[in-house]
Amino acid sequence: MTGDVVNLRQFRKTKARAEKEKAAEQNRLTHGRTKMEKNLTKALNEKAKKDFDQSRLEREPSSPKPDSSE
């Protein structure tokens, strides 16, 4: 029935290290890309935007409809 004795100072330090490592991993995923990867992503985004704009239909401005509620 006796539990393990835990040193709270060591427990807090271990927990802080784990949280720091988790934050560092997230930062590596977010910011840790090579210049080539960044340029590729930029080029793909520009191509997608260009393709989207090219497929857009231009509508002629329509004349205002007569108001039938008068």
PDB file of N, CA and C in Angstrom:
ATOM      1  N   MET A   1       0.804  -1.197   0.000  1.00  0.00           N
ATOM      2  CA  MET A   1       0.000   0.000   0.000  1.00  0.00           C
ATOM      3  C   MET A   1       0.843   1.255   0.000  1.00  0.00           C
ATOM      4  N   THR A   2       2.095   1.126   0.174  1.00  0.00           N
ATOM      5  CA  THR A   2       2.927   2.325   0.175  1.00  0.00           C
ATOM      6  C   THR A   2       3.289   2.689  -1.255  1.00  0.00           C
ATOM      7  N   GLY A   3       3.280   3.980  -1.523  1.00  0.00           N
ATOM      8  CA  GLY A   3       3.616   4.463  -2.866  1.00  0.00           C
ATOM      9  C   GLY A   3       5.099   4.771  -2.959  1.00  0.00           C
ATOM     10  N   ASP A   4       5.546   5.010  -4.150  1.00  0.00           N
ATOM     11  CA  ASP A   4       6.940   5.383  -4.351  1.00  0.00           C
ATOM     12  C   ASP A   4       7.170   6.799  -3.856  1.00  0.00           C
ATOM     13  N   VAL A   5       8.327   7.010  -3.248  1.00  0.00           N
ATOM     14  CA  VAL A   5       8.689   8.335  -2.786  1.00  0.00           C
ATOM     15  C   VAL A   5       9.204   9.110  -3.990  1.00  0.00           C
ATOM     16  N   VAL A   6       8.663  10.328  -4.174  1.00  0.00           N
ATOM     17  CA  VAL A   6       9.018  11.133  -5.342  1.00  0.00           C
ATOM     18  C   VAL A   6       9.621  12.442  -4.857  1.00  0.00           C
ATOM     19  N   ASN A   7      10.771  12.770  -5.418  1.00  0.00           N
ATOM     20  CA  ASN A   7      11.385  14.049  -5.124  1.00  0.00           C
ATOM     21  C   ASN A   7      10.718  15.074  -6.032  1.00  0.00           C
ATOM     22  N   LEU A   8       9.975  16.023  -5.446  1.00  0.00           N
ATOM     23  CA  LEU A   8       9.208  16.979  -6.236  1.00  0.00           C
ATOM     24  C   LEU A   8      10.097  17.869  -7.094  1.00  0.00           C
ATOM     25  N   ARG A   9      11.271  18.206  -6.606  1.00  0.00           N
ATOM     26  CA  ARG A   9      12.175  19.063  -7.382  1.00  0.00           C
ATOM     27  C   ARG A   9      12.578  18.347  -8.664  1.00  0.00           C
ATOM     28  N   GLN A  10      12.951  17.079  -8.541  1.00  0.00           N
ATOM     29  CA  GLN A  10      13.340  16.303  -9.724  1.00  0.00           C
ATOM     30  C   GLN A  10      12.137  16.082 -10.654  1.00  0.00           C
ATOM     31  N   PHE A  11      10.977  15.879 -10.084  1.00  0.00           N
ATOM     32  CA  PHE A  11       9.768  15.684 -10.880  1.00  0.00           C
ATOM     33  C   PHE A  11       9.463  16.942 -11.702  1.00  0.00           C
ATOM     34  N   ARG A  12       9.558  18.107 -11.072  1.00  0.00           N
ATOM     35  CA  ARG A  12       9.302  19.370 -11.770  1.00  0.00           C
ATOM     36  C   ARG A  12      10.309  19.599 -12.890  1.00  0.00           C
ATOM     37  N   LYS A  13      11.577  19.301 -12.623  1.00  0.00           N
ATOM     38  CA  LYS A  13      12.615  19.483 -13.641  1.00  0.00           C
ATOM     39  C   LYS A  13      12.370  18.544 -14.825  1.00  0.00           C
ATOM     40  N   THR A  14      12.015  17.315 -14.537  1.00  0.00           N
ATOM     41  CA  THR A  14      11.754  16.344 -15.605  1.00  0.00           C
ATOM     42  C   THR A  14      10.561  16.792 -16.443  1.00  0.00           C
ATOM     43  N   LYS A  15       9.539  17.274 -15.764  1.00  0.00           N
ATOM     44  CA  LYS A  15       8.347  17.744 -16.474  1.00  0.00           C
ATOM     45  C   LYS A  15       8.679  18.960 -17.335  1.00  0.00           C
ATOM     46  N   ALA A  16       9.474  19.887 -16.813  1.00  0.00           N
ATOM     47  CA  ALA A  16       9.864  21.080 -17.563  1.00  0.00           C
ATOM     48  C   ALA A  16      10.690  20.707 -18.792  1.00  0.00           C
ATOM     49  N   ARG A  17      11.595  19.737 -18.618  1.00  0.00           N
ATOM     50  CA  ARG A  17      12.405  19.285 -19.767  1.00  0.00           C
ATOM     51  C   ARG A  17      11.524  18.681 -20.857  1.00  0.00           C
ATOM     52  N   ALA A  18      10.552  17.892 -20.457  1.00  0.00           N
ATOM     53  CA  ALA A  18       9.654  17.260 -21.423  1.00  0.00           C
ATOM     54  C   ALA A  18       8.838  18.315 -22.176  1.00  0.00           C
ATOM     55  N   GLU A  19       8.366  19.337 -21.476  1.00  0.00           N
ATOM     56  CA  GLU A  19       7.604  20.403 -22.123  1.00  0.00           C
ATOM     57  C   GLU A  19       8.480  21.200 -23.076  1.00  0.00           C
ATOM     58  N   LYS A  20       9.739  21.474 -22.661  1.00  0.00           N
ATOM     59  CA  LYS A  20      10.663  22.187 -23.543  1.00  0.00           C
ATOM     60  C   LYS A  20      10.950  21.388 -24.797  1.00  0.00           C
ATOM     61  N   GLU A  21      11.133  20.088 -24.646  1.00  0.00           N
ATOM     62  CA  GLU A  21      11.408  19.228 -25.797  1.00  0.00           C
ATOM     63  C   GLU A  21      10.211  19.197 -26.750  1.00  0.00           C
ATOM     64  N   LYS A  22       9.017  19.178 -26.194  1.00  0.00           N
ATOM     65  CA  LYS A  22       7.811  19.188 -27.020  1.00  0.00           C
ATOM     66  C   LYS A  22       7.723  20.490 -27.815  1.00  0.00           C
ATOM     67  N   ALA A  23       8.009  21.619 -27.169  1.00  0.00           N
ATOM     68  CA  ALA A  23       7.992  22.918 -27.854  1.00  0.00           C
ATOM     69  C   ALA A  23       9.085  22.977 -28.917  1.00  0.00           C
ATOM     70  N   ALA A  24      10.253  22.432 -28.619  1.00  0.00           N
ATOM     71  CA  ALA A  24      11.358  22.428 -29.578  1.00  0.00           C
ATOM     72  C   ALA A  24      11.004  21.584 -30.802  1.00  0.00           C
ATOM     73  N   GLU A  25      10.349  20.467 -30.589  1.00  0.00           N
ATOM     74  CA  GLU A  25       9.931  19.622 -31.714  1.00  0.00           C
ATOM     75  C   GLU A  25       8.946  20.366 -32.615  1.00  0.00           C
ATOM     76  N   GLN A  26       8.011  21.080 -31.998  1.00  0.00           N
ATOM     77  CA  GLN A  26       7.045  21.853 -32.781  1.00  0.00           C
ATOM     78  C   GLN A  26       7.752  22.948 -33.578  1.00  0.00           C
ATOM     79  N   ASN A  27       8.715  23.613 -32.970  1.00  0.00           N
ATOM     80  CA  ASN A  27       9.471  24.657 -33.668  1.00  0.00           C
ATOM     81  C   ASN A  27      10.284  24.071 -34.817  1.00  0.00           C
ATOM     82  N   ARG A  28      10.831  22.887 -34.626  1.00  0.00           N
ATOM     83  CA  ARG A  28      11.586  22.248 -35.705  1.00  0.00           C
ATOM     84  C   ARG A  28      10.678  21.955 -36.895  1.00  0.00           C
ATOM     85  N   LEU A  29       9.457  21.521 -36.608  1.00  0.00           N
ATOM     86  CA  LEU A  29       8.514  21.254 -37.686  1.00  0.00           C
ATOM     87  C   LEU A  29       8.085  22.539 -38.388  1.00  0.00           C
ATOM     88  N   THR A  30       7.901  23.597 -37.609  1.00  0.00           N
ATOM     89  CA  THR A  30       7.416  24.855 -38.173  1.00  0.00           C
ATOM     90  C   THR A  30       8.500  25.601 -38.922  1.00  0.00           C
ATOM     91  N   HIS A  31       9.664  25.743 -38.345  1.00  0.00           N
ATOM     92  CA  HIS A  31      10.705  26.608 -38.897  1.00  0.00           C
ATOM     93  C   HIS A  31      11.869  25.862 -39.527  1.00  0.00           C
ATOM     94  N   GLY A  32      11.951  24.587 -39.334  1.00  0.00           N
ATOM     95  CA  GLY A  32      13.131  23.850 -39.766  1.00  0.00           C
ATOM     96  C   GLY A  32      13.054  23.330 -41.181  1.00  0.00           C
ATOM     97  N   ARG A  33      12.772  24.204 -42.136  1.00  0.00           N
ATOM     98  CA  ARG A  33      12.723  23.774 -43.532  1.00  0.00           C
ATOM     99  C   ARG A  33      13.903  24.366 -44.287  1.00  0.00           C
ATOM    100  N   THR A  34      14.355  23.633 -45.280  1.00  0.00           N
ATOM    101  CA  THR A  34      15.476  24.121 -46.074  1.00  0.00           C
ATOM    102  C   THR A  34      14.983  25.194 -47.034  1.00  0.00           C
ATOM    103  N   LYS A  35      15.942  25.926 -47.598  1.00  0.00           N
ATOM    104  CA  LYS A  35      15.594  26.982 -48.534  1.00  0.00           C
ATOM    105  C   LYS A  35      14.892  26.392 -49.764  1.00  0.00           C
ATOM    106  N   MET A  36      15.334  25.219 -50.200  1.00  0.00           N
ATOM    107  CA  MET A  36      14.716  24.573 -51.354  1.00  0.00           C
ATOM    108  C   MET A  36      13.257  24.229 -51.074  1.00  0.00           C
ATOM    109  N   GLU A  37      12.978  23.723 -49.874  1.00  0.00           N
ATOM    110  CA  GLU A  37      11.600  23.390 -49.515  1.00  0.00           C
ATOM    111  C   GLU A  37      10.725  24.634 -49.475  1.00  0.00           C
ATOM    112  N   LYS A  38      11.265  25.729 -48.936  1.00  0.00           N
ATOM    113  CA  LYS A  38      10.508  26.984 -48.883  1.00  0.00           C
ATOM    114  C   LYS A  38      10.216  27.498 -50.292  1.00  0.00           C
ATOM    115  N   ASN A  39      11.226  27.440 -51.183  1.00  0.00           N
ATOM    116  CA  ASN A  39      11.023  27.899 -52.558  1.00  0.00           C
ATOM    117  C   ASN A  39      10.010  27.025 -53.292  1.00  0.00           C
ATOM    118  N   LEU A  40      10.043  25.718 -53.055  1.00  0.00           N
ATOM    119  CA  LEU A  40       9.093  24.810 -53.685  1.00  0.00           C
ATOM    120  C   LEU A  40       7.668  25.130 -53.232  1.00  0.00           C
ATOM    121  N   THR A  41       7.480  25.328 -51.950  1.00  0.00           N
ATOM    122  CA  THR A  41       6.163  25.655 -51.424  1.00  0.00           C
ATOM    123  C   THR A  41       5.664  26.967 -52.017  1.00  0.00           C
ATOM    124  N   LYS A  42       6.547  27.950 -52.089  1.00  0.00           N
ATOM    125  CA  LYS A  42       6.175  29.252 -52.646  1.00  0.00           C
ATOM    126  C   LYS A  42       5.768  29.107 -54.111  1.00  0.00           C
ATOM    127  N   ALA A  43       6.540  28.342 -54.887  1.00  0.00           N
ATOM    128  CA  ALA A  43       6.233  28.145 -56.303  1.00  0.00           C
ATOM    129  C   ALA A  43       4.901  27.411 -56.485  1.00  0.00           C
ATOM    130  N   LEU A  44       4.649  26.395 -55.670  1.00  0.00           N
ATOM    131  CA  LEU A  44       3.387  25.666 -55.765  1.00  0.00           C
ATOM    132  C   LEU A  44       2.201  26.558 -55.419  1.00  0.00           C
ATOM    133  N   ASN A  45       2.357  27.406 -54.403  1.00  0.00           N
ATOM    134  CA  ASN A  45       1.276  28.320 -54.028  1.00  0.00           C
ATOM    135  C   ASN A  45       1.005  29.329 -55.132  1.00  0.00           C
ATOM    136  N   GLU A  46       2.065  29.864 -55.751  1.00  0.00           N
ATOM    137  CA  GLU A  46       1.890  30.824 -56.838  1.00  0.00           C
ATOM    138  C   GLU A  46       1.214  30.164 -58.035  1.00  0.00           C
ATOM    139  N   LYS A  47       1.598  28.914 -58.352  1.00  0.00           N
ATOM    140  CA  LYS A  47       0.990  28.205 -59.472  1.00  0.00           C
ATOM    141  C   LYS A  47      -0.491  27.949 -59.199  1.00  0.00           C
ATOM    142  N   ALA A  48      -0.816  27.551 -57.994  1.00  0.00           N
ATOM    143  CA  ALA A  48      -2.208  27.292 -57.645  1.00  0.00           C
ATOM    144  C   ALA A  48      -3.035  28.571 -57.753  1.00  0.00           C
ATOM    145  N   LYS A  49      -2.476  29.691 -57.298  1.00  0.00           N
ATOM    146  CA  LYS A  49      -3.184  30.969 -57.380  1.00  0.00           C
ATOM    147  C   LYS A  49      -3.380  31.368 -58.832  1.00  0.00           C
ATOM    148  N   LYS A  50      -2.349  31.190 -59.650  1.00  0.00           N
ATOM    149  CA  LYS A  50      -2.423  31.531 -61.070  1.00  0.00           C
ATOM    150  C   LYS A  50      -3.474  30.666 -61.766  1.00  0.00           C
ATOM    151  N   ASP A  51      -3.476  29.366 -61.500  1.00  0.00           N
ATOM    152  CA  ASP A  51      -4.454  28.465 -62.100  1.00  0.00           C
ATOM    153  C   ASP A  51      -5.872  28.828 -61.674  1.00  0.00           C
ATOM    154  N   PHE A  52      -6.032  29.194 -60.425  1.00  0.00           N
ATOM    155  CA  PHE A  52      -7.344  29.581 -59.908  1.00  0.00           C
ATOM    156  C   PHE A  52      -7.835  30.846 -60.605  1.00  0.00           C
ATOM    157  N   ASP A  53      -6.947  31.840 -60.744  1.00  0.00           N
ATOM    158  CA  ASP A  53      -7.332  33.089 -61.388  1.00  0.00           C
ATOM    159  C   ASP A  53      -7.651  32.886 -62.864  1.00  0.00           C
ATOM    160  N   GLN A  54      -6.954  31.972 -63.523  1.00  0.00           N
ATOM    161  CA  GLN A  54      -7.203  31.724 -64.942  1.00  0.00           C
ATOM    162  C   GLN A  54      -8.540  31.037 -65.175  1.00  0.00           C
ATOM    163  N   SER A  55      -9.001  30.246 -64.249  1.00  0.00           N
ATOM    164  CA  SER A  55     -10.255  29.528 -64.431  1.00  0.00           C
ATOM    165  C   SER A  55     -11.460  30.335 -63.962  1.00  0.00           C
ATOM    166  N   ARG A  56     -11.227  31.505 -63.446  1.00  0.00           N
ATOM    167  CA  ARG A  56     -12.305  32.348 -62.947  1.00  0.00           C
ATOM    168  C   ARG A  56     -13.089  32.924 -64.127  1.00  0.00           C
ATOM    169  N   LEU A  57     -14.399  32.936 -64.033  1.00  0.00           N
ATOM    170  CA  LEU A  57     -15.251  33.492 -65.076  1.00  0.00           C
ATOM    171  C   LEU A  57     -15.505  34.962 -64.791  1.00  0.00           C
ATOM    172  N   GLU A  58     -15.374  35.764 -65.839  1.00  0.00           N
ATOM    173  CA  GLU A  58     -15.640  37.193 -65.709  1.00  0.00           C
ATOM    174  C   GLU A  58     -17.118  37.422 -66.023  1.00  0.00           C
ATOM    175  N   ARG A  59     -17.809  38.061 -65.155  1.00  0.00           N
ATOM    176  CA  ARG A  59     -19.228  38.357 -65.381  1.00  0.00           C
ATOM    177  C   ARG A  59     -19.370  39.824 -65.755  1.00  0.00           C
ATOM    178  N   GLU A  60     -20.261  40.062 -66.702  1.00  0.00           N
ATOM    179  CA  GLU A  60     -20.544  41.440 -67.080  1.00  0.00           C
ATOM    180  C   GLU A  60     -21.459  42.040 -66.030  1.00  0.00           C
ATOM    181  N   PRO A  61     -21.247  43.305 -65.725  1.00  0.00           N
ATOM    182  CA  PRO A  61     -22.133  43.912 -64.724  1.00  0.00           C
ATOM    183  C   PRO A  61     -23.558  43.924 -65.254  1.00  0.00           C
ATOM    184  N   SER A  62     -24.472  43.440 -64.476  1.00  0.00           N
ATOM    185  CA  SER A  62     -25.867  43.382 -64.897  1.00  0.00           C
ATOM    186  C   SER A  62     -26.562  44.686 -64.537  1.00  0.00           C
ATOM    187  N   SER A  63     -27.556  45.013 -65.333  1.00  0.00           N
ATOM    188  CA  SER A  63     -28.309  46.241 -65.057  1.00  0.00           C
ATOM    189  C   SER A  63     -29.179  45.994 -63.832  1.00  0.00           C
ATOM    190  N   PRO A  64     -29.450  47.024 -63.077  1.00  0.00           N
ATOM    191  CA  PRO A  64     -30.281  46.828 -61.877  1.00  0.00           C
ATOM    192  C   PRO A  64     -31.684  46.386 -62.268  1.00  0.00           C
ATOM    193  N   LYS A  65     -32.207  45.458 -61.515  1.00  0.00           N
ATOM    194  CA  LYS A  65     -33.548  44.934 -61.793  1.00  0.00           C
ATOM    195  C   LYS A  65     -34.587  45.941 -61.324  1.00  0.00           C
ATOM    196  N   PRO A  66     -35.666  46.060 -62.052  1.00  0.00           N
ATOM    197  CA  PRO A  66     -36.712  46.988 -61.613  1.00  0.00           C
ATOM    198  C   PRO A  66     -37.333  46.483 -60.303  1.00  0.00           C
ATOM    199  N   ASP A  67     -37.597  47.392 -59.443  1.00  0.00           N
ATOM    200  CA  ASP A  67     -38.177  47.059 -58.141  1.00  0.00           C
ATOM    201  C   ASP A  67     -39.667  46.873 -58.297  1.00  0.00           C
ATOM    202  N   SER A  68     -40.159  45.675 -58.031  1.00  0.00           N
ATOM    203  CA  SER A  68     -41.587  45.372 -58.244  1.00  0.00           C
ATOM    204  C   SER A  68     -42.422  45.593 -56.991  1.00  0.00           C
ATOM    205  N   SER A  69     -41.805  46.087 -55.923  1.00  0.00           N
ATOM    206  CA  SER A  69     -42.558  46.247 -54.672  1.00  0.00           C
ATOM    207  C   SER A  69     -43.256  47.588 -54.586  1.00  0.00           C
ATOM    208  N   GLU A  70     -43.124  48.448 -55.590  1.00  0.00           N
ATOM    209  CA  GLU A  70     -43.752  49.777 -55.519  1.00  0.00           C
ATOM    210  C   GLU A  70     -45.184  49.754 -55.807  1.00  0.00           C
TER     211      GLU A  70
END
